[in-house]
C-alpha atoms as a PDB file:
ATOM      1  CA  MET A   1     -23.807  50.201 -35.524  1.00  0.00           C
ATOM      2  CA  ASN A   2     -22.956  53.409 -37.423  1.00  0.00           C
ATOM      3  CA  LYS A   3     -20.200  53.442 -40.000  1.00  0.00           C
ATOM      4  CA  LEU A   4     -17.464  56.047 -39.657  1.00  0.00           C
ATOM      5  CA  THR A   5     -18.341  57.451 -43.086  1.00  0.00           C
ATOM      6  CA  ASP A   6     -21.919  58.027 -41.890  1.00  0.00           C
ATOM      7  CA  LEU A   7     -20.738  59.868 -38.775  1.00  0.00           C
ATOM      8  CA  ILE A   8     -18.639  62.385 -40.735  1.00  0.00           C
ATOM      9  CA  GLN A   9     -20.863  62.847 -43.781  1.00  0.00           C
ATOM     10  CA  THR A  10     -21.889  66.380 -42.686  1.00  0.00           C
ATOM     11  CA  PHE A  11     -18.280  67.561 -42.339  1.00  0.00           C
ATOM     12  CA  GLU A  12     -16.964  70.198 -44.731  1.00  0.00           C
ATOM     13  CA  LYS A  13     -14.685  69.138 -47.572  1.00  0.00           C
ATOM     14  CA  ILE A  14     -11.444  71.109 -47.525  1.00  0.00           C
ATOM     15  CA  ASP A  15      -8.795  71.416 -50.242  1.00  0.00           C
ATOM     16  CA  ASP A  16      -5.903  72.494 -48.011  1.00  0.00           C
ATOM     17  CA  TRP A  17      -6.005  70.932 -44.527  1.00  0.00           C
ATOM     18  CA  GLN A  18      -2.706  72.560 -43.542  1.00  0.00           C
ATOM     19  CA  GLU A  19      -4.116  76.032 -44.136  1.00  0.00           C
ATOM     20  CA  VAL A  20      -7.275  75.214 -42.135  1.00  0.00           C
ATOM     21  CA  VAL A  21      -5.157  74.074 -39.180  1.00  0.00           C
ATOM     22  CA  ARG A  22      -2.811  77.068 -39.491  1.00  0.00           C
ATOM     23  CA  LYS A  23      -5.719  79.533 -39.326  1.00  0.00           C
ATOM     24  CA  ASN A  24      -7.626  77.841 -36.497  1.00  0.00           C
ATOM     25  CA  PHE A  25      -5.012  76.285 -34.202  1.00  0.00           C
ATOM     26  CA  GLU A  26      -2.018  78.497 -33.583  1.00  0.00           C
ATOM     27  CA  ARG A  27       0.893  76.987 -31.704  1.00  0.00           C
ATOM     28  CA  LYS A  28       1.711  80.162 -29.776  1.00  0.00           C
ATOM     29  CA  SER A  29      -1.728  80.228 -28.171  1.00  0.00           C
ATOM     30  CA  GLY A  30      -0.292  77.611 -25.808  1.00  0.00           C
ATOM     31  CA  THR A  31      -3.373  75.402 -25.940  1.00  0.00           C
ATOM     32  CA  TYR A  32      -1.473  72.240 -26.872  1.00  0.00           C
ATOM     33  CA  THR A  33       1.916  71.026 -25.680  1.00  0.00           C
ATOM     34  CA  TYR A  34       1.935  67.398 -26.842  1.00  0.00           C
ATOM     35  CA  ALA A  35       0.047  64.905 -28.986  1.00  0.00           C
ATOM     36  CA  THR A  36      -1.045  61.321 -28.374  1.00  0.00           C
ATOM     37  CA  VAL A  37      -1.018  59.115 -31.477  1.00  0.00           C
ATOM     38  CA  THR A  38      -2.920  55.817 -31.199  1.00  0.00           C
ATOM     39  CA  ASP A  39      -3.153  52.843 -33.550  1.00  0.00           C
ATOM     40  CA  ILE A  40      -5.288  49.774 -32.860  1.00  0.00           C
ATOM     41  CA  GLU A  41      -5.168  46.431 -34.620  1.00  0.00           C
ATOM     42  CA  ILE A  42      -7.029  43.197 -33.937  1.00  0.00           C
ATOM     43  CA  LYS A  43      -5.555  39.853 -34.954  1.00  0.00           C
ATOM     44  CA  TYR A  44      -7.925  36.942 -35.476  1.00  0.00           C
ATOM     45  CA  GLY A  45      -6.186  33.868 -36.812  1.00  0.00           C
ATOM     46  CA  GLU A  46      -4.345  34.967 -39.942  1.00  0.00           C
ATOM     47  CA  GLN A  47      -6.504  38.067 -40.344  1.00  0.00           C
ATOM     48  CA  VAL A  48      -5.520  41.520 -39.030  1.00  0.00           C
ATOM     49  CA  PHE A  49      -8.081  44.322 -38.761  1.00  0.00           C
ATOM     50  CA  TYR A  50      -6.778  47.895 -38.609  1.00  0.00           C
ATOM     51  CA  TYR A  51      -8.630  50.882 -37.156  1.00  0.00           C
ATOM     52  CA  PRO A  52      -7.945  54.568 -37.961  1.00  0.00           C
ATOM     53  CA  THR A  53      -4.888  56.325 -36.594  1.00  0.00           C
ATOM     54  CA  LYS A  54      -6.108  58.787 -33.950  1.00  0.00           C
ATOM     55  CA  ILE A  55      -4.160  61.939 -33.069  1.00  0.00           C
ATOM     56  CA  VAL A  56      -5.318  63.890 -30.009  1.00  0.00           C
ATOM     57  CA  PHE A  57      -3.720  67.247 -29.211  1.00  0.00           C
ATOM     58  CA  GLU A  58      -3.324  67.700 -25.480  1.00  0.00           C
ATOM     59  CA  TYR A  59      -1.914  70.012 -22.807  1.00  0.00           C
ATOM     60  CA  GLY A  60       0.390  69.382 -19.848  1.00  0.00           C
ATOM     61  CA  TYR A  61       4.057  68.777 -19.131  1.00  0.00           C
ATOM     62  CA  ILE A  62       5.649  65.828 -20.926  1.00  0.00           C
ATOM     63  CA  LYS A  63       9.423  65.462 -20.705  1.00  0.00           C
ATOM     64  CA  ALA A  64      10.218  63.010 -23.480  1.00  0.00           C
ATOM     65  CA  LEU A  65       8.721  60.946 -26.274  1.00  0.00           C
ATOM     66  CA  LYS A  66       7.035  57.746 -25.056  1.00  0.00           C
ATOM     67  CA  ASN A  67       6.065  54.578 -26.895  1.00  0.00           C
ATOM     68  CA  ILE A  68       3.466  52.464 -25.098  1.00  0.00           C
ATOM     69  CA  VAL A  69       2.181  49.098 -26.331  1.00  0.00           C
ATOM     70  CA  ARG A  70      -0.869  47.515 -24.708  1.00  0.00           C
ATOM     71  CA  THR A  71      -1.770  43.950 -25.609  1.00  0.00           C
ATOM     72  CA  GLU A  72      -4.981  42.171 -24.722  1.00  0.00           C
ATOM     73  CA  LYS A  73      -5.649  38.497 -25.467  1.00  0.00           C
ATOM     74  CA  ILE A  74      -9.188  37.188 -25.430  1.00  0.00           C
ATOM     75  CA  THR A  75     -10.793  33.816 -26.060  1.00  0.00           C
ATOM     76  CA  LEU A  76     -14.337  33.911 -27.434  1.00  0.00           C
ATOM     77  CA  ASN A  77     -16.142  30.774 -28.534  1.00  0.00           C
ATOM     78  CA  LYS A  78     -12.819  28.905 -28.352  1.00  0.00           C
ATOM     79  CA  LYS A  79     -11.241  31.431 -30.725  1.00  0.00           C
ATOM     80  CA  ARG A  80      -8.180  33.492 -29.790  1.00  0.00           C
ATOM     81  CA  ILE A  81      -8.268  37.226 -30.439  1.00  0.00           C
ATOM     82  CA  LYS A  82      -5.361  39.600 -29.860  1.00  0.00           C
ATOM     83  CA  ILE A  83      -5.856  43.372 -29.559  1.00  0.00           C
ATOM     84  CA  THR A  84      -2.771  45.559 -29.833  1.00  0.00           C
ATOM     85  CA  GLU A  85      -2.925  49.259 -29.005  1.00  0.00           C
ATOM     86  CA  ARG A  86       0.188  51.241 -29.927  1.00  0.00           C
ATOM     87  CA  LYS A  87       0.334  54.676 -28.364  1.00  0.00           C
ATOM     88  CA  LYS A  88       3.013  57.307 -28.981  1.00  0.00           C
ATOM     89  CA  ILE A  89       3.131  60.418 -26.784  1.00  0.00           C
ATOM     90  CA  ILE A  90       4.961  63.231 -28.554  1.00  0.00           C
ATOM     91  CA  PRO A  91       6.055  66.401 -26.713  1.00  0.00           C
ATOM     92  CA  PHE A  92       6.392  69.454 -28.922  1.00  0.00           C
ATOM     93  CA  SER A  93       9.724  71.157 -29.445  1.00  0.00           C
ATOM     94  CA  PHE A  94      10.386  74.803 -30.330  1.00  0.00           C
ATOM     95  CA  TYR A  95       7.808  77.265 -31.654  1.00  0.00           C
ATOM     96  CA  GLU A  96      10.071  78.033 -34.604  1.00  0.00           C
ATOM     97  CA  ARG A  97      10.376  75.297 -37.192  1.00  0.00           C
ATOM     98  CA  GLY A  98      13.552  73.311 -36.646  1.00  0.00           C
ATOM     99  CA  LYS A  99      13.766  69.634 -35.930  1.00  0.00           C
ATOM    100  CA  LYS A 100      10.914  67.143 -36.055  1.00  0.00           C
ATOM    101  CA  TYR A 101       7.769  67.950 -34.000  1.00  0.00           C
ATOM    102  CA  SER A 102       8.621  71.662 -33.817  1.00  0.00           C
ATOM    103  CA  GLY A 103       7.002  74.728 -35.321  1.00  0.00           C
ATOM    104  CA  GLU A 104       3.296  75.202 -35.982  1.00  0.00           C
ATOM    105  CA  ILE A 105       0.554  72.644 -35.327  1.00  0.00           C
ATOM    106  CA  PHE A 106       0.057  71.855 -39.026  1.00  0.00           C
ATOM    107  CA  GLN A 107       3.793  71.177 -39.378  1.00  0.00           C
ATOM    108  CA  ILE A 108       3.726  68.811 -36.397  1.00  0.00           C
ATOM    109  CA  ILE A 109       0.754  66.941 -37.903  1.00  0.00           C
ATOM    110  CA  LYS A 110       2.685  66.583 -41.151  1.00  0.00           C
ATOM    111  CA  ASP A 111       5.626  65.108 -39.202  1.00  0.00           C
ATOM    112  CA  ILE A 112       3.253  62.526 -37.713  1.00  0.00           C
ATOM    113  CA  VAL A 113       1.220  61.539 -40.789  1.00  0.00           C
ATOM    114  CA  GLY A 114       3.899  61.849 -43.489  1.00  0.00           C
ATOM    115  CA  THR A 115       3.364  62.985 -47.066  1.00  0.00           C
ATOM    116  CA  LYS A 116       1.183  60.196 -48.493  1.00  0.00           C
ATOM    117  CA  ILE A 117      -2.102  61.929 -47.721  1.00  0.00           C
ATOM    118  CA  ASN A 118      -4.896  62.315 -50.261  1.00  0.00           C
ATOM    119  CA  SER A 119      -6.456  65.709 -50.916  1.00  0.00           C
ATOM    120  CA  ASN A 120      -9.999  64.658 -49.883  1.00  0.00           C
ATOM    121  CA  SER A 121      -9.871  65.936 -46.294  1.00  0.00           C
ATOM    122  CA  LEU A 122     -12.808  66.816 -44.023  1.00  0.00           C
ATOM    123  CA  PHE A 123     -13.225  69.217 -41.102  1.00  0.00           C
ATOM    124  CA  SER A 124     -16.041  69.547 -38.567  1.00  0.00           C
ATOM    125  CA  PRO A 125     -17.714  72.927 -39.162  1.00  0.00           C
ATOM    126  CA  ASP A 126     -19.080  73.063 -35.597  1.00  0.00           C
ATOM    127  CA  LEU A 127     -17.719  72.272 -32.171  1.00  0.00           C
ATOM    128  CA  LEU A 128     -18.486  68.629 -31.340  1.00  0.00           C
ATOM    129  CA  THR A 129     -19.761  67.839 -27.852  1.00  0.00           C
ATOM    130  CA  THR A 130     -18.563  64.820 -25.891  1.00  0.00           C
ATOM    131  CA  SER A 131     -22.010  63.320 -25.389  1.00  0.00           C
ATOM    132  CA  ASP A 132     -23.253  63.450 -28.958  1.00  0.00           C
ATOM    133  CA  SER A 133     -22.406  61.790 -32.225  1.00  0.00           C
ATOM    134  CA  PRO A 134     -19.935  61.857 -33.896  1.00  0.00           C
ATOM    135  CA  LEU A 135     -17.316  62.662 -31.234  1.00  0.00           C
ATOM    136  CA  TYR A 136     -18.701  60.164 -28.709  1.00  0.00           C
ATOM    137  CA  ASN A 137     -18.763  57.371 -31.305  1.00  0.00           C
ATOM    138  CA  ILE A 138     -15.227  58.122 -32.436  1.00  0.00           C
ATOM    139  CA  ASP A 139     -13.724  58.578 -28.965  1.00  0.00           C
ATOM    140  CA  SER A 140     -16.045  58.281 -25.973  1.00  0.00           C
ATOM    141  CA  LYS A 141     -13.094  58.846 -23.621  1.00  0.00           C
ATOM    142  CA  GLN A 142     -12.782  62.500 -24.675  1.00  0.00           C
ATOM    143  CA  LYS A 143     -13.594  64.905 -21.833  1.00  0.00           C
ATOM    144  CA  TRP A 144     -13.762  68.202 -23.727  1.00  0.00           C
ATOM    145  CA  ALA A 145     -15.783  69.465 -26.666  1.00  0.00           C
ATOM    146  CA  SER A 146     -13.563  69.240 -29.754  1.00  0.00           C
ATOM    147  CA  TYR A 147     -13.034  69.973 -33.420  1.00  0.00           C
ATOM    148  CA  LEU A 148     -12.198  67.080 -35.715  1.00  0.00           C
ATOM    149  CA  LEU A 149     -10.024  66.859 -38.832  1.00  0.00           C
ATOM    150  CA  VAL A 150     -10.265  63.754 -41.022  1.00  0.00           C
ATOM    151  CA  LEU A 151      -7.359  62.871 -43.310  1.00  0.00           C
ATOM    152  CA  HIS A 152      -7.050  59.968 -45.757  1.00  0.00           C
ATOM    153  CA  ARG A 153      -3.984  57.912 -46.538  1.00  0.00           C
ATOM    154  CA  GLN A 154      -3.408  56.423 -49.946  1.00  0.00           C
ATOM    155  CA  SER A 155      -5.374  53.166 -49.983  1.00  0.00           C
ATOM    156  CA  LYS A 156      -3.957  49.984 -48.512  1.00  0.00           C
ATOM    157  CA  ASN A 157      -5.307  46.452 -48.733  1.00  0.00           C
ATOM    158  CA  ASP A 158      -6.928  45.144 -45.570  1.00  0.00           C
ATOM    159  CA  SER A 159      -8.839  42.139 -44.294  1.00  0.00           C
ATOM    160  CA  VAL A 160     -12.549  41.793 -44.937  1.00  0.00           C
ATOM    161  CA  ALA A 161     -14.495  40.749 -41.853  1.00  0.00           C
ATOM    162  CA  THR A 162     -17.278  38.162 -41.802  1.00  0.00           C
ATOM    163  CA  PRO A 163     -20.654  39.140 -40.231  1.00  0.00           C
ATOM    164  CA  GLU A 164     -19.768  37.080 -37.145  1.00  0.00           C
ATOM    165  CA  MET A 165     -16.427  38.868 -36.789  1.00  0.00           C
ATOM    166  CA  LEU A 166     -18.069  42.281 -37.213  1.00  0.00           C
ATOM    167  CA  ASP A 167     -20.212  41.692 -34.114  1.00  0.00           C
ATOM    168  CA  ILE A 168     -17.157  40.590 -32.124  1.00  0.00           C
ATOM    169  CA  LEU A 169     -15.130  43.653 -33.188  1.00  0.00           C
ATOM    170  CA  ASN A 170     -17.954  46.017 -32.216  1.00  0.00           C
ATOM    171  CA  ASP A 171     -18.135  44.522 -28.718  1.00  0.00           C
ATOM    172  CA  LEU A 172     -14.370  44.490 -28.122  1.00  0.00           C
ATOM    173  CA  LEU A 173     -13.656  48.091 -29.106  1.00  0.00           C
ATOM    174  CA  VAL A 174     -16.120  49.658 -26.631  1.00  0.00           C
ATOM    175  CA  ASP A 175     -13.402  49.502 -23.945  1.00  0.00           C
ATOM    176  CA  TYR A 176     -11.184  51.587 -26.235  1.00  0.00           C
ATOM    177  CA  GLY A 177     -13.794  54.301 -26.734  1.00  0.00           C
ATOM    178  CA  ILE A 178     -14.728  53.217 -30.266  1.00  0.00           C
ATOM    179  CA  HIS A 179     -18.430  52.960 -31.141  1.00  0.00           C
ATOM    180  CA  TYR A 180     -18.589  52.548 -34.899  1.00  0.00           C
ATOM    181  CA  GLY A 181     -18.616  49.487 -37.099  1.00  0.00           C
ATOM    182  CA  TYR A 182     -15.678  47.966 -38.915  1.00  0.00           C
ATOM    183  CA  ASP A 183     -15.090  48.127 -42.659  1.00  0.00           C
ATOM    184  CA  SER A 184     -11.994  47.630 -44.749  1.00  0.00           C
ATOM    185  CA  SER A 185     -11.529  51.359 -45.487  1.00  0.00           C
ATOM    186  CA  LEU A 186     -10.817  52.287 -41.847  1.00  0.00           C
ATOM    187  CA  ARG A 187      -7.092  51.766 -42.225  1.00  0.00           C
ATOM    188  CA  ASP A 188      -6.985  54.730 -44.627  1.00  0.00           C
ATOM    189  CA  PHE A 189      -8.414  57.221 -42.098  1.00  0.00           C
ATOM    190  CA  ILE A 190      -6.478  59.541 -39.778  1.00  0.00           C
ATOM    191  CA  LEU A 191      -8.637  61.251 -37.135  1.00  0.00           C
ATOM    192  CA  VAL A 192      -7.148  64.419 -35.626  1.00  0.00           C
ATOM    193  CA  ILE A 193      -8.938  65.711 -32.509  1.00  0.00           C
ATOM    194  CA  PHE A 194      -8.522  69.278 -31.213  1.00  0.00           C
ATOM    195  CA  PRO A 195     -10.113  69.534 -27.722  1.00  0.00           C
ATOM    196  CA  MET A 196     -11.090  72.906 -26.233  1.00  0.00           C
ATOM    197  CA  PRO A 197      -9.828  72.280 -22.658  1.00  0.00           C
ATOM    198  CA  TYR A 198     -10.963  75.447 -20.869  1.00  0.00           C
ATOM    199  CA  ILE A 199     -14.519  75.460 -19.475  1.00  0.00           C
ATOM    200  CA  LYS A 200     -17.335  72.923 -19.633  1.00  0.00           C
ATOM    201  CA  VAL A 201     -20.768  72.379 -18.112  1.00  0.00           C
ATOM    202  CA  VAL A 202     -20.629  69.413 -15.726  1.00  0.00           C
ATOM    203  CA  GLU A 203     -24.137  69.773 -14.255  1.00  0.00           C
ATOM    204  CA  ASN A 204     -27.279  71.100 -15.885  1.00  0.00           C
ATOM    205  CA  LYS A 205     -30.721  70.893 -14.313  1.00  0.00           C
ATOM    206  CA  ILE A 206     -33.938  72.778 -13.682  1.00  0.00           C
ATOM    207  CA  LYS A 207     -34.299  74.508 -10.334  1.00  0.00           C
ATOM    208  CA  ARG A 208     -37.834  75.129  -9.074  1.00  0.00           C
ATOM    209  CA  ASN A 209     -38.807  78.000  -6.773  1.00  0.00           C
ATOM    210  CA  GLU A 210     -42.571  78.111  -6.208  1.00  0.00           C
ATOM    211  CA  ASN A 211     -44.094  78.858  -9.652  1.00  0.00           C
ATOM    212  CA  ASN A 212     -40.857  80.010 -11.210  1.00  0.00           C
ATOM    213  CA  GLU A 213     -38.092  77.891 -12.764  1.00  0.00           C
ATOM    214  CA  SER A 214     -34.471  78.565 -13.605  1.00  0.00           C
ATOM    215  CA  ILE A 215     -31.590  76.603 -15.101  1.00  0.00           C
ATOM    216  CA  PHE A 216     -28.875  75.630 -12.650  1.00  0.00           C
ATOM    217  CA  LEU A 217     -25.410  75.138 -14.170  1.00  0.00           C
ATOM    218  CA  VAL A 218     -22.123  73.995 -12.660  1.00  0.00           C
ATOM    219  CA  LEU A 219     -19.083  75.024 -14.695  1.00  0.00           C
ATOM    220  CA  GLU A 220     -15.687  73.356 -14.472  1.00  0.00           C
ATOM    221  CA  PHE A 221     -12.697  75.614 -15.133  1.00  0.00           C
ATOM    222  CA  ASN A 222      -9.531  73.952 -16.414  1.00  0.00           C
ATOM    223  CA  GLN A 223      -5.993  75.361 -16.713  1.00  0.00           C
ATOM    224  CA  LEU A 224      -6.747  77.750 -13.833  1.00  0.00           C
ATOM    225  CA  GLY A 225      -3.516  79.686 -14.318  1.00  0.00           C
ATOM    226  CA  LEU A 226      -4.838  80.939 -17.637  1.00  0.00           C
ATOM    227  CA  PHE A 227      -7.807  82.596 -15.919  1.00  0.00           C
ATOM    228  CA  TYR A 228      -5.672  84.107 -13.156  1.00  0.00           C
ATOM    229  CA  THR A 229      -3.091  85.635 -15.453  1.00  0.00           C
ATOM    230  CA  SER A 230      -5.111  86.650 -18.528  1.00  0.00           C
ATOM    231  CA  GLN A 231      -7.783  89.211 -19.257  1.00  0.00           C
ATOM    232  CA  LEU A 232     -10.442  86.894 -20.628  1.00  0.00           C
ATOM    233  CA  LYS A 233     -14.037  87.715 -21.480  1.00  0.00           C
ATOM    234  CA  ILE A 234     -16.164  84.709 -20.492  1.00  0.00           C
ATOM    235  CA  GLU A 235     -19.750  84.665 -21.748  1.00  0.00           C
ATOM    236  CA  ILE A 236     -22.801  82.404 -21.646  1.00  0.00           C
ATOM    237  CA  ASP A 237     -25.108  82.773 -24.636  1.00  0.00           C
ATOM    238  CA  ALA A 238     -28.445  81.245 -23.610  1.00  0.00           C
ATOM    239  CA  LEU A 239     -31.804  80.636 -25.239  1.00  0.00           C
ATOM    240  CA  ILE A 240     -34.581  79.178 -23.046  1.00  0.00           C
ATOM    241  CA  LYS A 241     -38.109  78.187 -24.118  1.00  0.00           C
ATOM    242  CA  ASN A 242     -41.075  77.024 -22.093  1.00  0.00           C
ATOM    243  CA  ILE A 243     -43.058  73.832 -22.707  1.00  0.00           C
ATOM    244  CA  LYS A 244     -45.233  75.787 -25.190  1.00  0.00           C
ATOM    245  CA  LYS A 245     -42.060  76.488 -27.240  1.00  0.00           C
ATOM    246  CA  GLU A 246     -42.257  80.209 -26.400  1.00  0.00           C
ATOM    247  CA  THR A 247     -38.971  82.050 -25.847  1.00  0.00           C
ATOM    248  CA  ILE A 248     -38.761  83.180 -22.220  1.00  0.00           C
ATOM    249  CA  TYR A 249     -35.039  83.968 -21.986  1.00  0.00           C
ATOM    250  CA  GLU A 250     -32.506  85.074 -24.600  1.00  0.00           C
ATOM    251  CA  LYS A 251     -29.414  86.775 -23.252  1.00  0.00           C
ATOM    252  CA  ILE A 252     -25.635  86.862 -23.320  1.00  0.00           C
ATOM    253  CA  GLU A 253     -24.339  86.920 -19.739  1.00  0.00           C
ATOM    254  CA  THR A 254     -20.769  87.824 -18.809  1.00  0.00           C
ATOM    255  CA  ILE A 255     -19.230  85.531 -16.175  1.00  0.00           C
ATOM    256  CA  LYS A 256     -16.694  86.689 -13.628  1.00  0.00           C
ATOM    257  CA  PHE A 257     -14.085  84.055 -12.818  1.00  0.00           C
ATOM    258  CA  GLY A 258     -14.650  83.033  -9.200  1.00  0.00           C
ATOM    259  CA  LYS A 259     -11.063  81.831  -8.624  1.00  0.00           C
ATOM    260  CA  ALA A 260     -12.222  78.249  -8.185  1.00  0.00           C
ATOM    261  CA  LYS A 261     -12.265  75.081 -10.264  1.00  0.00           C
ATOM    262  CA  TYR A 262     -16.071  74.849 -10.082  1.00  0.00           C
ATOM    263  CA  GLN A 263     -18.533  77.708 -10.308  1.00  0.00           C
ATOM    264  CA  VAL A 264     -22.341  77.826 -10.069  1.00  0.00           C
ATOM    265  CA  ILE A 265     -24.387  79.859 -12.547  1.00  0.00           C
ATOM    266  CA  GLU A 266     -28.161  80.310 -12.446  1.00  0.00           C
ATOM    267  CA  LEU A 267     -30.150  81.527 -15.458  1.00  0.00           C
ATOM    268  CA  THR A 268     -33.567  82.829 -14.398  1.00  0.00           C
ATOM    269  CA  PRO A 269     -36.185  83.818 -16.979  1.00  0.00           C
ATOM    270  CA  GLU A 270     -38.269  86.861 -16.081  1.00  0.00           C
ATOM    271  CA  THR A 271     -41.362  85.091 -17.407  1.00  0.00           C
ATOM    272  CA  LYS A 272     -42.646  82.413 -15.064  1.00  0.00           C
ATOM    273  CA  GLY A 273     -43.416  78.971 -16.400  1.00  0.00           C
ATOM    274  CA  GLU A 274     -42.153  75.467 -16.991  1.00  0.00           C
ATOM    275  CA  ILE A 275     -38.889  75.235 -18.930  1.00  0.00           C
ATOM    276  CA  GLY A 276     -38.964  72.842 -21.861  1.00  0.00           C
ATOM    277  CA  PHE A 277     -35.846  73.623 -23.935  1.00  0.00           C
ATOM    278  CA  ALA A 278     -32.465  75.313 -23.646  1.00  0.00           C
ATOM    279  CA  ALA A 279     -29.561  76.041 -25.985  1.00  0.00           C
ATOM    280  CA  ILE A 280     -26.464  77.283 -24.186  1.00  0.00           C
ATOM    281  CA  SER A 281     -23.010  78.197 -25.497  1.00  0.00           C
ATOM    282  CA  ILE A 282     -19.914  79.179 -23.541  1.00  0.00           C
ATOM    283  CA  LYS A 283     -17.395  81.499 -25.175  1.00  0.00           C
ATOM    284  CA  ILE A 284     -13.995  82.846 -24.211  1.00  0.00           C
ATOM    285  CA  ASN A 285     -13.082  86.071 -26.037  1.00  0.00           C
ATOM    286  CA  GLY A 286     -15.737  85.182 -28.587  1.00  0.00           C
ATOM    287  CA  ILE A 287     -14.401  81.650 -29.187  1.00  0.00           C
ATOM    288  CA  LEU A 288     -16.858  78.801 -28.623  1.00  0.00           C
ATOM    289  CA  VAL A 289     -15.472  76.278 -26.085  1.00  0.00           C
ATOM    290  CA  ASP A 290     -18.562  74.314 -25.001  1.00  0.00           C
ATOM    291  CA  LYS A 291     -22.238  74.066 -25.896  1.00  0.00           C
ATOM    292  CA  PHE A 292     -25.354  71.987 -25.414  1.00  0.00           C
ATOM    293  CA  SER A 293     -28.981  72.084 -26.479  1.00  0.00           C
ATOM    294  CA  GLY A 294     -31.982  69.888 -25.904  1.00  0.00           C
ATOM    295  CA  TYR A 295     -35.340  69.316 -24.305  1.00  0.00           C
ATOM    296  CA  TYR A 296     -35.928  68.666 -20.609  1.00  0.00           C
ATOM    297  CA  ILE A 297     -37.960  65.614 -19.620  1.00  0.00           C
ATOM    298  CA  ARG A 298     -40.825  66.774 -17.493  1.00  0.00           C
ATOM    299  CA  ASP A 299     -42.551  64.772 -14.738  1.00  0.00           C
ATOM    300  CA  ILE A 300     -45.028  62.292 -16.184  1.00  0.00           C
ATOM    301  CA  LYS A 301     -48.207  61.844 -14.175  1.00  0.00           C
ATOM    302  CA  LEU A 302     -50.087  58.618 -14.782  1.00  0.00           C
ATOM    303  CA  ASP A 303     -53.822  58.435 -14.224  1.00  0.00           C
ATOM    304  CA  ILE A 304     -54.176  54.870 -12.961  1.00  0.00           C
ATOM    305  CA  LYS A 305     -57.571  53.599 -11.974  1.00  0.00           C
ATOM    306  CA  VAL A 306     -57.741  50.611  -9.656  1.00  0.00           C
ATOM    307  CA  LYS A 307     -60.773  48.394 -10.043  1.00  0.00           C
END
């Protein structure tokens, strides 16, 4: 199983994480209204294994701060294991800096993580999709493409797991959306996830019409009030290639909001042929909110001779 350090090795090193957050995630944009802070620990005998603190910025109406503790007790091979998940849901206060959890996003993060943060921070240079590494491995329960900030606490001592215990930990944490291996440095990490909860592709397939093919997309629109009340430019930037790797479609299409949660879009190349690859990005006012790229698996015909 991948290590967390392997998953984030392509991230950009940043000297001032607060400035990066200030420039990219403005509080007054209204994207985020509360944060969920999660800590997970596993107790095995006298040993305690700590996983990274995870902070997810979210939207919606939350009245008051909540502290939720979930405990799971498991017996494996006659050995008792206790998993404790501590979750704090923090609603944001005023836009102007005042009391705790108010002001800008970077100030709210600082309220959550404290001051004992090392300078070796990392930030994902590209939008991370929910189906691909590293976002899936870090949190497979995420529903929206996201950006990821990685902070480091000053080092703490932690338990060292045996090979047998490593396999057990990997199996147990799947239910919590974690798909990376344990090591003793995990306690030092803080993972901050910034979802882009606006539009995403929920269905993507090839549509055949005689000798011509097109790409059939179903888009899901979230926060519908935003699209009703704002003048937003919604675009699909698409590159399509045939099975010979020749470009048969390369356009930026403007989408009109259809006043519905789901909307169908069809991208039809003028050149006929079998589609082999597509790279598609969705942007709102020039800001990337979802993307995907990859090859389509074509029908495989087997020539089977029966004796």
